[in-house]
Amino acid sequence: MSTTRQLKNKQHKLAYLERQYARLKTLERKLETRRKIQLGGLIKKAGLDNESTAVLYGLLLDAQEKLQNLGDDVRDDWRIKGDLAFTAEKDKS
């Protein structure tokens, strides 16, 4: 195979990999956007959408501190409470 042909093959492979990479980056951005929308929805579901961002941030920082200091018991309690709330919401629909 000639050097020119090998170079063209490598260029085609590189272009293909660049397109694949661009698709993956787009998918990653879409997933991140979806997650942010879900988190905003949770703030609304919890009835906290009228609170200031500073209050919400402080609340979340307190929750993070509790999770670090108290550990899995608090996390399990909150998970159960959240699961029950989601179930109750589904049952209303």
Protein backbone atom coordinates (compact mmCIF):
# COMPACT_ATOMS: atom_id res chain seq x y z
CA MET A 1 0.00 0.00 0.00
CA SER A 2 1.36 3.40 -0.89
CA THR A 3 2.27 5.96 1.72
CA THR A 4 -0.35 8.35 0.36
CA ARG A 5 -3.07 5.71 0.71
CA GLN A 6 -1.95 4.88 4.24
CA LEU A 7 -2.05 8.57 5.14
CA LYS A 8 -5.59 8.91 3.75
CA ASN A 9 -6.71 5.83 5.72
CA LYS A 10 -5.24 7.31 8.90
CA GLN A 11 -6.96 10.63 8.20
CA HIS A 12 -10.30 8.87 7.70
CA LYS A 13 -9.85 6.96 10.95
CA LEU A 14 -8.92 10.15 12.77
CA ALA A 15 -11.97 11.96 11.37
CA TYR A 16 -14.18 9.05 12.43
CA LEU A 17 -12.74 9.09 15.96
CA GLU A 18 -13.18 12.86 16.18
CA ARG A 19 -16.87 12.51 15.20
CA GLN A 20 -17.34 9.77 17.79
CA TYR A 21 -15.69 11.92 20.44
CA ALA A 22 -17.93 14.87 19.54
CA ARG A 23 -21.02 12.63 19.81
CA LEU A 24 -19.90 11.38 23.23
CA LYS A 25 -19.29 14.94 24.46
CA THR A 26 -22.76 15.95 23.25
CA LEU A 27 -24.31 12.97 25.02
CA GLU A 28 -22.39 13.80 28.19
CA ARG A 29 -23.65 17.41 28.09
CA LYS A 30 -27.23 16.23 27.55
CA LEU A 31 -27.00 13.83 30.49
CA GLU A 32 -25.57 16.56 32.70
CA THR A 33 -28.35 18.94 31.66
CA ARG A 34 -30.97 16.28 32.38
CA ARG A 35 -29.51 15.69 35.85
CA LYS A 36 -29.58 19.43 36.62
CA ILE A 37 -33.21 19.64 35.51
CA GLN A 38 -34.05 16.65 37.73
CA LEU A 39 -32.35 18.31 40.71
CA GLY A 40 -34.31 21.51 40.10
CA GLY A 41 -37.49 19.43 39.95
CA LEU A 42 -36.66 17.92 43.32
CA ILE A 43 -36.30 21.39 44.83
CA LYS A 44 -39.76 22.21 43.47
CA LYS A 45 -41.28 18.90 44.67
CA ALA A 46 -39.95 19.58 48.16
CA GLY A 47 -41.70 22.95 48.15
CA LEU A 48 -38.42 24.84 48.37
CA ASP A 49 -38.60 26.63 45.03
CA ASN A 50 -39.49 29.95 46.68
CA GLU A 51 -36.41 29.93 48.91
CA SER A 52 -33.38 31.99 48.01
CA THR A 53 -30.43 30.26 46.46
CA ALA A 54 -28.36 31.16 49.54
CA VAL A 55 -30.86 29.39 51.81
CA LEU A 56 -30.93 26.34 49.56
CA TYR A 57 -27.15 26.22 49.38
CA GLY A 58 -26.86 26.50 53.18
CA LEU A 59 -29.44 23.76 53.60
CA LEU A 60 -27.55 21.48 51.25
CA LEU A 61 -24.25 22.22 52.96
CA ASP A 62 -25.83 21.26 56.30
CA ALA A 63 -27.16 18.06 54.76
CA GLN A 64 -23.75 17.23 53.34
CA GLU A 65 -22.16 17.80 56.76
CA LYS A 66 -24.73 15.53 58.41
CA LEU A 67 -24.08 12.82 55.84
CA GLN A 68 -20.36 13.01 56.50
CA ASN A 69 -20.64 13.12 60.28
CA LEU A 70 -23.58 10.80 60.89
CA GLY A 71 -23.07 8.54 57.93
CA ASP A 72 -25.22 5.81 56.52
CA ASP A 73 -28.00 5.94 59.13
CA VAL A 74 -29.03 9.45 58.11
CA ARG A 75 -28.66 8.60 54.42
CA ASP A 76 -30.86 5.51 54.87
CA ASP A 77 -33.50 7.48 56.76
CA TRP A 78 -33.59 10.16 54.07
CA ARG A 79 -33.68 7.56 51.28
CA ILE A 80 -36.64 5.80 52.91
CA LYS A 81 -38.45 9.10 53.44
CA GLY A 82 -37.84 10.05 49.79
CA ASP A 83 -38.93 6.64 48.50
CA LEU A 84 -42.15 6.87 50.53
CA ALA A 85 -42.84 10.37 49.21
CA PHE A 86 -42.28 9.26 45.61
CA THR A 87 -44.57 6.26 46.15
CA ALA A 88 -47.28 8.42 47.71
CA GLU A 89 -47.02 10.82 44.79
CA LYS A 90 -47.36 7.99 42.26
CA ASP A 91 -50.41 6.66 44.12
CA LYS A 92 -52.10 10.08 43.87
CA SER A 93 -51.71 10.10 40.09
